[in-house]
Protein backbone atom coordinates (compact mmCIF):
# COMPACT_ATOMS: atom_id res chain seq x y z
CA MET A 1 -25.83 -73.17 -250.83
CA LEU A 2 -27.07 -70.05 -249.33
CA SER A 3 -26.58 -66.52 -249.54
CA LEU A 4 -26.83 -65.26 -245.91
CA ILE A 5 -28.32 -61.74 -245.14
CA LEU A 6 -28.13 -60.22 -242.52
CA LEU A 7 -30.25 -57.75 -241.33
CA CYS A 8 -29.19 -55.14 -238.61
CA HIS A 9 -31.08 -52.40 -239.30
CA ASP A 10 -32.68 -51.85 -235.15
CA ARG A 11 -36.28 -51.28 -235.60
CA SER A 12 -36.88 -51.40 -231.82
CA PRO A 13 -37.70 -48.32 -230.32
CA THR A 14 -36.13 -48.82 -227.32
CA ARG A 15 -33.29 -46.71 -225.25
CA GLU A 16 -30.63 -50.27 -226.01
CA ALA A 17 -31.33 -49.32 -229.87
CA THR A 18 -30.39 -44.70 -229.46
CA ASP A 19 -27.33 -46.40 -227.44
CA SER A 20 -23.87 -46.20 -229.70
CA GLY A 21 -23.34 -49.02 -232.17
CA ALA A 22 -21.61 -51.08 -229.53
CA LEU A 23 -24.73 -53.52 -229.02
CA LEU A 24 -25.83 -53.67 -232.43
CA ARG A 25 -22.15 -54.51 -233.25
CA GLU A 26 -22.08 -57.35 -230.83
CA ARG A 27 -25.60 -58.67 -231.90
CA ALA A 28 -24.04 -58.78 -235.34
CA ALA A 29 -21.11 -60.49 -234.10
CA ARG A 30 -22.91 -63.09 -232.36
CA SER A 31 -24.86 -63.82 -235.21
CA LEU A 32 -22.10 -64.37 -237.75
CA GLY A 33 -20.34 -66.33 -235.07
CA SER A 34 -23.10 -68.59 -234.88
CA LEU A 35 -23.48 -69.59 -238.48
CA VAL A 36 -19.59 -70.43 -239.08
CA GLU A 37 -20.46 -74.15 -238.94
CA ALA A 38 -22.67 -73.18 -241.16
CA SER A 39 -20.27 -72.38 -243.42
CA ILE A 40 -17.74 -74.97 -243.03
CA ALA A 41 -20.35 -77.31 -243.84
CA GLY A 42 -20.97 -75.48 -247.08
CA VAL A 43 -24.25 -74.14 -246.61
CA ILE A 44 -23.61 -70.54 -246.72
CA ALA A 45 -21.48 -69.65 -249.44
CA ASP A 46 -21.69 -65.71 -248.85
CA ALA A 47 -23.02 -63.18 -246.09
CA THR A 48 -23.72 -59.70 -246.50
CA LEU A 49 -24.21 -57.44 -243.59
CA VAL A 50 -27.61 -54.90 -244.54
CA ALA A 51 -27.69 -51.57 -242.00
CA ALA A 52 -28.03 -48.18 -241.64
CA PRO A 53 -24.60 -46.32 -242.02
CA ALA A 54 -22.31 -47.51 -238.69
CA PRO A 55 -18.78 -47.54 -238.69
CA SER A 56 -18.69 -50.13 -236.23
CA LEU A 57 -20.33 -52.95 -238.09
CA ALA A 58 -17.99 -51.88 -241.19
CA ASP A 59 -15.16 -52.97 -239.03
CA ILE A 60 -17.09 -56.58 -238.04
CA ALA A 61 -17.90 -57.28 -241.90
CA ASP A 62 -14.42 -56.89 -242.84
CA GLU A 63 -12.99 -59.00 -240.73
CA ALA A 64 -15.53 -61.66 -240.81
CA GLY A 65 -14.40 -61.20 -244.50
CA CYS A 66 -18.33 -60.04 -245.67
CA HIS A 67 -20.06 -57.40 -248.02
CA MET A 68 -21.56 -54.77 -246.13
CA ILE A 69 -24.55 -52.52 -247.30
CA GLU A 70 -25.10 -49.17 -245.48
CA GLU A 71 -28.37 -47.83 -246.26
CA ALA A 72 -30.90 -45.90 -244.11
CA ASP A 73 -33.62 -47.25 -245.67
CA ALA A 74 -34.12 -51.23 -245.36
CA GLY A 75 -36.13 -51.90 -247.85
CA ALA A 76 -33.40 -50.21 -250.16
CA ALA A 77 -30.88 -51.53 -248.97
CA LEU A 78 -32.42 -55.25 -248.66
CA ALA A 79 -33.05 -55.19 -252.19
CA ARG A 80 -29.76 -53.94 -253.00
CA ALA A 81 -28.17 -57.10 -250.98
CA LEU A 82 -30.28 -59.27 -252.61
CA ALA A 83 -29.24 -57.83 -255.97
CA GLN A 84 -25.42 -59.27 -255.30
CA ALA A 85 -26.23 -62.15 -253.63
CA ARG A 86 -23.95 -64.93 -255.46
CA GLN A 87 -26.65 -67.71 -254.56
CA ALA A 88 -30.17 -67.72 -256.31
CA ASP A 89 -31.01 -68.93 -252.49
CA VAL A 90 -30.99 -66.36 -249.78
CA PHE A 91 -30.71 -66.65 -245.81
CA LEU A 92 -31.88 -63.65 -243.75
CA LEU A 93 -31.36 -63.77 -240.11
CA CYS A 94 -32.04 -61.34 -237.73
CA ALA A 95 -28.85 -59.34 -236.16
CA GLY A 96 -29.37 -60.70 -232.52
CA PHE A 97 -30.43 -64.20 -233.00
CA CYS A 98 -28.55 -67.63 -233.59
CA ALA A 99 -29.50 -70.24 -235.20
CA ASP A 100 -29.51 -73.67 -233.46
CA ARG A 101 -27.14 -76.55 -233.85
CA GLY A 102 -29.84 -78.32 -235.90
CA PHE A 103 -30.82 -75.12 -238.77
CA VAL A 104 -27.04 -76.40 -239.94
CA ASP A 105 -28.68 -80.38 -240.80
CA GLU A 106 -32.19 -79.05 -241.34
CA ALA A 107 -31.02 -76.19 -244.02
CA ALA A 108 -28.23 -78.93 -246.04
CA ASP A 109 -31.33 -81.31 -246.05
CA ILE A 110 -34.07 -78.80 -247.78
CA ALA A 111 -31.19 -78.34 -250.58
CA ALA A 112 -30.81 -81.52 -251.42
CA PHE A 113 -34.69 -83.06 -251.52
CA GLY A 114 -35.58 -80.81 -253.85
CA GLY A 115 -34.06 -76.73 -252.98
CA LEU A 116 -36.41 -74.02 -252.12
CA LYS A 117 -39.78 -74.32 -253.59
CA MET A 118 -42.01 -72.73 -250.55
CA ALA A 119 -40.03 -70.44 -248.41
CA ARG A 120 -38.86 -71.44 -244.60
CA ALA A 121 -39.41 -69.46 -241.45
CA LEU A 122 -36.99 -69.68 -238.93
CA LYS A 123 -38.59 -68.82 -235.82
CA ALA A 124 -37.35 -67.71 -232.38
CA ALA A 125 -37.12 -69.94 -229.76
CA PRO A 126 -40.14 -69.59 -227.18
CA GLU A 127 -39.55 -66.79 -224.87
CA GLY A 128 -42.15 -66.42 -222.82
CA LEU A 129 -45.35 -68.30 -221.48
CA LEU A 130 -47.29 -67.78 -224.42
CA THR A 131 -44.11 -68.97 -226.66
CA ARG A 132 -44.04 -71.90 -224.77
CA LEU A 133 -47.56 -73.22 -224.59
CA ALA A 134 -47.66 -72.31 -228.70
CA PRO A 135 -44.26 -72.22 -229.83
CA SER A 136 -46.36 -71.61 -233.74
CA LEU A 137 -47.36 -67.86 -232.39
CA ALA A 138 -43.30 -67.15 -231.66
CA ARG A 139 -42.18 -64.07 -234.22
CA PRO A 140 -39.95 -65.63 -237.31
CA VAL A 141 -36.43 -63.70 -237.49
CA GLY A 142 -35.16 -65.87 -240.22
CA LEU A 143 -36.25 -66.66 -243.63
CA LEU A 144 -35.15 -69.13 -246.14
CA ALA A 145 -36.16 -68.42 -249.70
CA ARG A 146 -35.48 -67.91 -253.38
CA LYS A 147 -34.02 -64.45 -254.32
CA THR A 148 -36.37 -64.09 -257.10
CA ALA A 149 -39.58 -64.16 -254.49
CA LEU A 150 -38.16 -61.97 -251.89
CA LEU A 151 -37.11 -59.26 -254.72
CA ASN A 152 -41.01 -60.02 -256.05
CA ALA A 153 -42.43 -59.17 -252.59
CA GLY A 154 -40.41 -56.26 -251.59
CA GLY A 155 -39.86 -54.78 -247.90
CA ALA A 156 -37.59 -55.79 -245.24
CA GLU A 157 -39.20 -56.98 -242.14
CA VAL A 158 -39.33 -61.20 -242.33
CA ALA A 159 -41.96 -61.72 -240.42
CA ARG A 160 -44.15 -60.21 -243.39
CA LEU A 161 -41.83 -61.47 -246.14
CA ALA A 162 -42.79 -65.15 -244.17
CA ARG A 163 -46.64 -63.92 -244.57
CA LEU A 164 -46.27 -62.72 -248.18
CA LEU A 165 -44.34 -66.01 -249.48
CA LYS A 166 -46.64 -68.49 -247.33
CA ALA A 167 -43.39 -69.69 -245.46
CA ARG A 168 -43.31 -73.47 -243.78
CA GLU A 169 -42.12 -73.27 -239.78
CA MET A 170 -38.71 -74.71 -240.21
CA VAL A 171 -38.11 -77.14 -237.04
CA SER A 172 -35.01 -75.50 -235.99
CA ARG A 173 -35.73 -72.63 -233.82
CA ALA A 174 -33.16 -68.81 -233.47
CA ARG A 175 -31.71 -68.30 -229.81
CA ARG A 176 -31.53 -64.96 -228.33
CA GLY A 177 -27.90 -63.93 -228.42
CA ALA A 178 -27.48 -60.64 -227.45
């Protein structure tokens, strides 16, 4: 079983990022919605939303039955979320991405056959020509790893954490949900 930590800190400097929290709220809701099947299948045990202080996300967390960590610094917020995660294995996911249907089976297989001895990176589904020609170049938007390994690595950027932990690439992908 995994503890889900949904990373809702928006790092993009686009105009969309400066809009009201409606876009971030929708991203979080879609990402959580894509993981309902994983929760029903017993792959995800608990969930935590990690974000900068925003009242609209607190409502989403309350409705979804998730914990909420509000802190401006993404690294400190992730450290707090990891400290309160109930499971030893953690699934980090960037808000706005929805795991493909195969994720549930793949994550269950990883847990059933030896657990997370090595971190696994969930990469974005190909969006442009380059990632269609070379899918391994897609950026990691999710990470399955041991809680202790994530705490030791520090930081909150999924791509950086995946590199530090030498994460293997998962077969399933995550599509942009919003």
